[in-house]
Amino acid sequence: MPGVFISYRREDSAAYAGRLFDILSTEFGRENTFMDLDTIEGGDNFSVVIERKLDVSDALLAVIGPHWLTVTEPNGGRRLDNESDLVRVEIAKALERGIRVIPVLVGGATLPRPVDLPTKLQALCERQAMEVRDSHFHADVKDLTDVLHRTLHGTGFVPKAANLKRFIPAFLVGLAVVIGIFWLLVQRRMVQRQNVERAASVDAATKQAAQSSGSAPPPAQTSVGGTSNSVKPLANVAGQWEATVKYDWGDTYHEWFDFEVDGQELSGSAGFLGNRKGQGRAIWDGKIAGDRISFMTKTLSSLGGDDKTYEDKHYYKGTVKGDEIVFTMVTDSSTESHTPIHFTANRVKNK
């Protein structure tokens, strides 16, 4: 989900900004939608909060009403000419970071001319504006949310060079985790290969003994972790699948799954909250056992007003029935409670 920052002047467009916040926080989640009255609390430093919220935002909506350009300060000077003006700071920082900046024209306003803006804001005039008209409010907002949905999370933020140092510890920790996971996967692959080779040797010896005695061989057995099980043919799930998933809060999304198979291991990507084709979340610990498959995906979430992020884990179990997979998905979240989700995925056949 993209993070959306709403910038506006209270004297100019507070009512429009409030309605936009209500709609967008429902569409993208309150934790992904930022506006000063709702996300800045008493005692907070405005500049620091703006910096932090822009760091996790993928788009800024510059809500421009009829008086946005001409609002004045008590001394009579134009507020936009004050370098400490919060609206000016918000838009300038968003342009500097390279995130998507969308001028949203309300109340019949028009896009300002470059000559009417401070130098750091003149690039705003190069952005395609979107109009939200009173007579077509909901239709125009729907067009705006469609554009925001196409703004991929994490693709717009370009941090300043001075801020790169704070990402180094997180990068090193992430690198160590990746190396550790890779080592565990290599070790697991070696153990599985040894088990398969051992099972094949036992099966060959059993067949040879049966042929010598003239009796039929017993069903093939495998031993994994000390437990013997009859070998069943592995379901063929490699390729693309699609499903319509209704989540426990009522929203329904069309999602894509792309599975890759290596023996009994399943990898690839799985859709979540409407991820488009080729944009799913990575599959972890994927396994195939006969006609059953299982895997896990991960997402990050945060609480409103809390800069800390939390990792949610989604556990999928499915039964393969030809070109259908009947799934149950359970979410393990430290911030919210969810009921199991049931849905059916269908194989995408090449035309």
Protein backbone atom coordinates (compact mmCIF):
# COMPACT_ATOMS: atom_id res chain seq x y z
CA MET A 1 0.00 0.00 0.00
CA PRO A 2 1.32 3.47 -0.84
CA GLY A 3 1.83 6.05 1.92
CA VAL A 4 -0.12 9.28 1.17
CA PHE A 5 0.70 12.71 2.67
CA ILE A 6 -2.03 15.39 2.42
CA SER A 7 -0.69 18.98 2.35
CA TYR A 8 -3.24 21.84 2.58
CA ARG A 9 -3.96 25.29 4.04
CA ARG A 10 -6.63 25.30 6.74
CA GLU A 11 -7.87 28.75 5.72
CA ASP A 12 -8.14 27.61 2.10
CA SER A 13 -9.23 23.96 1.85
CA ALA A 14 -9.65 22.33 5.29
CA ALA A 15 -13.07 20.85 4.45
CA TYR A 16 -11.83 19.27 1.20
CA ALA A 17 -8.68 17.92 2.90
CA GLY A 18 -10.75 16.39 5.70
CA ARG A 19 -13.04 14.57 3.26
CA LEU A 20 -10.02 13.34 1.28
CA PHE A 21 -8.39 12.06 4.48
CA ASP A 22 -11.52 10.11 5.47
CA ILE A 23 -11.78 8.45 2.04
CA LEU A 24 -8.05 7.75 1.58
CA SER A 25 -7.55 6.40 5.11
CA THR A 26 -10.40 3.95 4.41
CA GLU A 27 -8.88 2.99 1.04
CA PHE A 28 -5.21 2.70 2.09
CA GLY A 29 -5.40 2.41 5.89
CA ARG A 30 -5.14 5.13 8.51
CA GLU A 31 -1.54 4.10 9.19
CA ASN A 32 -0.66 4.93 5.55
CA THR A 33 -2.46 8.31 5.35
CA PHE A 34 -0.97 11.43 6.95
CA MET A 35 -2.49 14.86 7.68
CA ASP A 36 -1.33 17.30 10.36
CA LEU A 37 -4.48 17.51 12.47
CA ASP A 38 -4.76 13.73 12.75
CA THR A 39 -1.12 12.62 12.75
CA ILE A 40 0.64 15.42 14.68
CA GLU A 41 -0.04 15.37 18.41
CA GLY A 42 0.41 18.01 21.10
CA GLY A 43 4.06 18.69 21.86
CA ASP A 44 5.33 17.22 18.57
CA ASN A 45 7.94 19.12 16.56
CA PHE A 46 6.24 19.90 13.23
CA SER A 47 9.42 19.78 11.16
CA VAL A 48 10.54 16.45 12.65
CA VAL A 49 7.11 14.84 12.18
CA ILE A 50 6.90 16.08 8.58
CA GLU A 51 10.36 14.64 7.87
CA ARG A 52 9.37 11.25 9.29
CA LYS A 53 6.03 11.06 7.52
CA LEU A 54 7.52 12.06 4.16
CA ASP A 55 10.20 9.38 4.65
CA VAL A 56 7.47 6.69 4.53
CA SER A 57 5.23 8.41 1.96
CA ASP A 58 5.08 7.55 -1.72
CA ALA A 59 2.86 10.43 -2.80
CA LEU A 60 2.03 13.95 -1.60
CA LEU A 61 -1.31 15.57 -2.45
CA ALA A 62 -0.93 19.36 -2.62
CA VAL A 63 -4.55 20.45 -2.07
CA ILE A 64 -4.90 23.87 -3.74
CA GLY A 65 -7.99 26.02 -3.26
CA PRO A 66 -8.86 29.53 -4.52
CA HIS A 67 -6.86 31.26 -1.74
CA TRP A 68 -3.91 28.85 -1.46
CA LEU A 69 -1.56 31.29 -3.22
CA THR A 70 -2.67 34.50 -1.47
CA VAL A 71 -3.18 33.59 2.21
CA THR A 72 -1.33 36.20 4.29
CA GLU A 73 0.32 36.35 7.71
CA PRO A 74 -0.59 38.86 10.48
CA ASN A 75 2.08 41.26 9.17
CA GLY A 76 0.41 41.31 5.75
CA GLY A 77 3.11 39.35 3.95
CA ARG A 78 2.19 36.41 1.76
CA ARG A 79 2.55 33.18 3.79
CA LEU A 80 4.03 31.30 0.84
CA ASP A 81 7.01 33.70 0.84
CA ASN A 82 7.95 32.65 4.41
CA GLU A 83 10.63 29.95 4.29
CA SER A 84 9.17 28.45 7.51
CA ASP A 85 5.66 28.13 6.06
CA LEU A 86 4.69 24.49 6.67
CA VAL A 87 2.91 24.04 3.35
CA ARG A 88 5.95 25.39 1.53
CA VAL A 89 8.24 23.09 3.57
CA GLU A 90 6.08 20.00 2.93
CA ILE A 91 5.92 20.43 -0.84
CA ALA A 92 9.59 21.45 -1.19
CA LYS A 93 10.76 18.39 0.75
CA ALA A 94 8.52 16.08 -1.30
CA LEU A 95 9.86 17.50 -4.58
CA GLU A 96 13.41 17.18 -3.24
CA ARG A 97 12.90 13.51 -2.38
CA GLY A 98 11.50 12.70 -5.81
CA ILE A 99 8.21 11.19 -4.58
CA ARG A 100 5.04 11.62 -6.63
CA VAL A 101 3.57 15.10 -6.03
CA ILE A 102 0.00 15.60 -7.30
CA PRO A 103 -1.57 19.10 -7.31
CA VAL A 104 -5.25 18.56 -6.35
CA LEU A 105 -7.36 21.53 -7.43
CA VAL A 106 -10.53 22.16 -5.37
CA GLY A 107 -13.18 24.87 -5.19
CA GLY A 108 -12.56 25.90 -8.81
CA ALA A 109 -8.87 26.74 -8.24
CA THR A 110 -6.31 26.69 -11.06
CA LEU A 111 -2.67 25.62 -11.00
CA PRO A 112 -0.36 28.54 -10.04
CA ARG A 113 2.17 29.90 -12.55
CA PRO A 114 5.88 29.29 -11.89
CA VAL A 115 6.47 33.04 -11.57
CA ASP A 116 4.01 33.13 -8.63
CA LEU A 117 5.89 30.48 -6.64
CA PRO A 118 9.16 30.41 -4.67
CA THR A 119 12.03 28.83 -6.61
CA LYS A 120 11.92 25.53 -4.70
CA LEU A 121 8.21 25.11 -5.49
CA GLN A 122 8.26 25.99 -9.20
CA ALA A 123 8.64 22.31 -10.15
CA LEU A 124 5.07 21.87 -8.83
CA CYS A 125 3.85 23.48 -12.07
CA GLU A 126 5.45 20.62 -14.04
CA ARG A 127 3.25 18.05 -12.29
CA GLN A 128 -0.03 16.94 -13.86
CA ALA A 129 -2.82 18.39 -11.72
CA MET A 130 -6.08 16.57 -10.89
CA GLU A 131 -9.31 18.48 -10.29
CA VAL A 132 -11.83 17.48 -7.63
CA ARG A 133 -15.10 19.19 -8.53
CA ASP A 134 -17.99 19.65 -6.12
CA SER A 135 -20.46 18.31 -8.69
CA HIS A 136 -18.36 15.19 -9.42
CA PHE A 137 -16.61 14.78 -6.07
CA HIS A 138 -16.77 11.02 -5.67
CA ALA A 139 -15.97 10.27 -9.32
CA ASP A 140 -12.97 12.62 -9.26
CA VAL A 141 -11.71 11.14 -5.97
CA LYS A 142 -12.08 7.65 -7.47
CA ASP A 143 -9.79 8.73 -10.34
CA LEU A 144 -7.32 10.07 -7.77
CA THR A 145 -7.28 6.81 -5.76
CA ASP A 146 -6.71 4.86 -8.99
CA VAL A 147 -3.59 6.94 -9.64
CA LEU A 148 -2.41 6.39 -6.06
CA HIS A 149 -2.93 2.63 -6.38
CA ARG A 150 -0.51 2.70 -9.32
CA THR A 151 2.09 4.42 -7.12
CA LEU A 152 4.12 1.43 -5.93
CA HIS A 153 5.18 1.41 -2.30
CA GLY A 154 8.86 2.26 -1.77
CA THR A 155 9.61 3.32 -5.36
CA GLY A 156 9.44 7.08 -4.99
CA PHE A 157 11.61 7.88 -1.99
CA VAL A 158 15.11 9.18 -2.75
CA PRO A 159 16.80 9.94 0.62
CA LYS A 160 19.15 12.87 0.98
CA ALA A 161 22.84 11.99 1.15
CA ALA A 162 23.04 13.36 4.69
CA ASN A 163 20.42 10.83 5.84
CA LEU A 164 21.97 7.70 4.32
CA LYS A 165 24.05 6.90 7.41
CA ARG A 166 21.00 6.01 9.45
CA PHE A 167 20.14 3.21 7.00
CA ILE A 168 23.54 1.48 7.33
CA PRO A 169 22.80 -0.47 10.59
CA ALA A 170 19.48 -1.73 9.21
CA PHE A 171 21.20 -2.71 5.95
CA LEU A 172 23.91 -4.68 7.79
CA VAL A 173 21.32 -6.46 9.94
CA GLY A 174 19.28 -7.32 6.84
CA LEU A 175 22.39 -8.61 5.06
CA ALA A 176 23.24 -10.85 8.01
CA VAL A 177 19.68 -12.21 8.05
CA VAL A 178 19.82 -12.96 4.31
CA ILE A 179 23.17 -14.78 4.67
CA GLY A 180 21.82 -16.79 7.60
CA ILE A 181 18.68 -17.79 5.70
CA PHE A 182 20.75 -18.77 2.65
CA TRP A 183 22.99 -20.99 4.81
CA LEU A 184 19.96 -22.68 6.40
CA LEU A 185 18.41 -23.31 2.98
CA VAL A 186 21.65 -24.89 1.73
CA GLN A 187 21.82 -27.14 4.80
CA ARG A 188 18.19 -28.16 4.44
CA ARG A 189 18.66 -28.93 0.74
CA MET A 190 21.62 -31.18 1.58
CA VAL A 191 19.60 -33.08 4.24
CA GLN A 192 16.66 -33.53 1.87
CA ARG A 193 18.93 -34.82 -0.89
CA GLN A 194 20.52 -37.31 1.51
CA ASN A 195 17.05 -38.51 2.58
CA VAL A 196 15.93 -38.96 -1.04
CA GLU A 197 19.10 -40.86 -1.93
CA ARG A 198 18.72 -43.06 1.16
CA ALA A 199 15.06 -43.77 0.32
CA ALA A 200 15.99 -44.65 -3.28
CA SER A 201 18.67 -47.07 -2.06
CA VAL A 202 16.22 -48.77 0.32
CA ASP A 203 13.58 -49.00 -2.42
CA ALA A 204 16.06 -50.53 -4.90
CA ALA A 205 17.23 -53.08 -2.33
CA THR A 206 13.62 -53.97 -1.49
CA LYS A 207 12.72 -54.50 -5.15
CA GLN A 208 15.79 -56.65 -5.73
CA ALA A 209 14.96 -58.83 -2.70
CA ALA A 210 11.35 -59.14 -3.85
CA GLN A 211 12.41 -60.19 -7.36
CA SER A 212 14.79 -62.81 -5.89
CA SER A 213 12.01 -64.29 -3.72
CA GLY A 214 9.35 -63.99 -6.40
CA SER A 215 7.04 -61.84 -4.23
CA ALA A 216 5.66 -58.37 -5.05
CA PRO A 217 7.53 -55.44 -3.43
CA PRO A 218 5.77 -53.44 -0.68
CA PRO A 219 4.79 -49.81 -1.28
CA ALA A 220 7.76 -47.42 -1.34
CA GLN A 221 8.55 -45.72 1.96
CA THR A 222 10.44 -42.57 2.81
CA SER A 223 11.85 -41.57 6.14
CA VAL A 224 12.05 -37.88 7.05
CA GLY A 225 12.86 -36.92 10.62
CA GLY A 226 12.36 -40.55 11.77
CA THR A 227 8.76 -40.81 10.45
CA SER A 228 7.87 -43.21 7.63
CA ASN A 229 5.20 -42.23 5.08
CA SER A 230 3.94 -43.75 1.84
CA VAL A 231 5.23 -41.83 -1.17
CA LYS A 232 2.45 -39.97 -3.02
CA PRO A 233 2.77 -38.26 -6.40
CA LEU A 234 3.47 -34.55 -5.98
CA ALA A 235 0.78 -32.19 -7.22
CA ASN A 236 1.74 -30.11 -10.26
CA VAL A 237 1.34 -26.47 -9.15
CA ALA A 238 4.13 -24.81 -11.13
CA GLY A 239 2.99 -21.71 -13.05
CA GLN A 240 0.51 -18.89 -12.53
CA TRP A 241 -2.74 -19.00 -10.56
CA GLU A 242 -5.39 -16.38 -9.87
CA ALA A 243 -8.04 -15.98 -7.18
CA THR A 244 -10.69 -13.61 -5.86
CA VAL A 245 -10.05 -13.19 -2.13
CA LYS A 246 -12.50 -11.68 0.37
CA TYR A 247 -10.70 -10.59 3.55
CA ASP A 248 -12.19 -10.71 7.03
CA TRP A 249 -12.88 -6.94 7.12
CA GLY A 250 -15.10 -7.23 4.02
CA ASP A 251 -12.91 -6.01 1.11
CA THR A 252 -12.45 -8.25 -1.94
CA TYR A 253 -9.35 -8.28 -4.19
CA HIS A 254 -8.30 -10.09 -7.38
CA GLU A 255 -4.85 -11.58 -6.77
CA TRP A 256 -2.12 -13.47 -8.61
CA PHE A 257 0.11 -16.34 -7.50
CA ASP A 258 3.27 -17.47 -9.30
CA PHE A 259 4.64 -20.81 -8.11
CA GLU A 260 8.05 -22.36 -8.84
CA VAL A 261 8.73 -25.96 -7.91
CA ASP A 262 11.99 -27.76 -7.13
CA GLY A 263 11.23 -31.28 -5.91
CA GLN A 264 9.18 -30.86 -2.74
CA GLU A 265 10.10 -27.21 -2.34
CA LEU A 266 7.77 -24.41 -3.37
CA SER A 267 8.89 -20.84 -4.03
CA GLY A 268 7.77 -17.80 -6.03
CA SER A 269 5.30 -15.07 -5.07
CA ALA A 270 1.80 -14.80 -3.60
CA GLY A 271 -0.75 -12.01 -3.93
CA PHE A 272 -1.93 -9.95 -0.94
CA LEU A 273 -4.48 -7.09 -0.82
CA GLY A 274 -4.75 -6.86 -4.61
CA ASN A 275 -1.09 -7.20 -5.62
CA ARG A 276 -1.02 -7.18 -9.39
CA LYS A 277 0.42 -9.84 -11.65
CA GLY A 278 4.17 -10.16 -11.05
CA GLN A 279 4.07 -7.98 -7.90
CA GLY A 280 3.22 -10.51 -5.17
CA ARG A 281 5.07 -11.03 -1.90
CA ALA A 282 7.91 -13.56 -1.66
CA ILE A 283 7.06 -17.09 -0.56
CA TRP A 284 8.89 -18.53 2.47
CA ASP A 285 9.12 -22.18 3.65
CA GLY A 286 7.06 -23.47 0.72
CA LYS A 287 6.45 -27.24 0.70
CA ILE A 288 4.58 -29.81 -1.41
CA ALA A 289 3.41 -33.10 0.08
CA GLY A 290 1.22 -35.12 -2.26
CA ASP A 291 -1.80 -32.93 -3.07
CA ARG A 292 -1.12 -30.53 -0.17
CA ILE A 293 0.92 -27.32 -0.36
CA SER A 294 1.89 -24.84 2.34
CA PHE A 295 3.90 -21.63 2.53
CA MET A 296 4.24 -18.33 4.36
CA THR A 297 4.46 -14.64 3.34
CA LYS A 298 5.37 -11.57 5.37
CA THR A 299 4.15 -7.95 5.48
CA LEU A 300 5.04 -4.89 7.57
CA SER A 301 2.45 -2.84 9.45
CA SER A 302 2.45 0.05 11.90
CA LEU A 303 0.09 1.63 14.40
CA GLY A 304 -1.19 5.17 13.86
CA GLY A 305 1.21 7.71 15.41
CA ASP A 306 3.77 4.98 16.11
CA ASP A 307 6.99 5.02 14.08
CA LYS A 308 7.68 1.39 14.98
CA THR A 309 6.93 -1.25 12.33
CA TYR A 310 5.63 -4.74 13.03
CA GLU A 311 6.02 -7.90 10.96
CA ASP A 312 2.85 -9.85 10.15
CA LYS A 313 3.10 -13.47 8.95
CA HIS A 314 0.51 -15.07 6.68
CA TYR A 315 0.35 -18.88 6.65
CA TYR A 316 -1.26 -20.56 3.61
CA LYS A 317 -2.38 -24.19 3.40
CA GLY A 318 -3.93 -25.54 0.22
CA THR A 319 -5.34 -28.75 -1.25
CA VAL A 320 -4.75 -29.20 -4.98
CA LYS A 321 -7.73 -30.51 -6.97
CA GLY A 322 -6.71 -30.55 -10.63
CA ASP A 323 -6.70 -26.94 -11.81
CA GLU A 324 -7.98 -25.62 -8.45
CA ILE A 325 -6.33 -25.05 -5.09
CA VAL A 326 -8.60 -24.68 -2.04
CA PHE A 327 -6.73 -22.37 0.35
CA THR A 328 -6.96 -21.37 4.00
CA MET A 329 -4.88 -18.35 5.03
CA VAL A 330 -4.19 -17.48 8.69
CA THR A 331 -2.53 -14.20 9.73
CA ASP A 332 -0.22 -13.98 12.75
CA SER A 333 -0.17 -10.27 13.70
CA SER A 334 1.07 -8.53 16.84
CA THR A 335 -1.12 -5.46 16.16
CA GLU A 336 -4.46 -6.86 14.93
CA SER A 337 -6.56 -10.02 15.18
CA HIS A 338 -7.85 -11.75 12.04
CA THR A 339 -10.06 -14.73 11.33
CA PRO A 340 -8.93 -17.42 8.83
CA ILE A 341 -9.57 -16.60 5.16
CA HIS A 342 -10.87 -19.29 2.77
CA PHE A 343 -10.64 -18.96 -1.02
CA THR A 344 -10.03 -20.96 -4.21
CA ALA A 345 -7.27 -20.27 -6.75
CA ASN A 346 -7.54 -21.36 -10.39
CA ARG A 347 -4.72 -22.23 -12.74
CA VAL A 348 -4.07 -19.67 -15.50
CA LYS A 349 -4.03 -21.64 -18.72
CA ASN A 350 -1.91 -20.50 -21.64
CA LYS A 351 -3.98 -19.47 -24.62
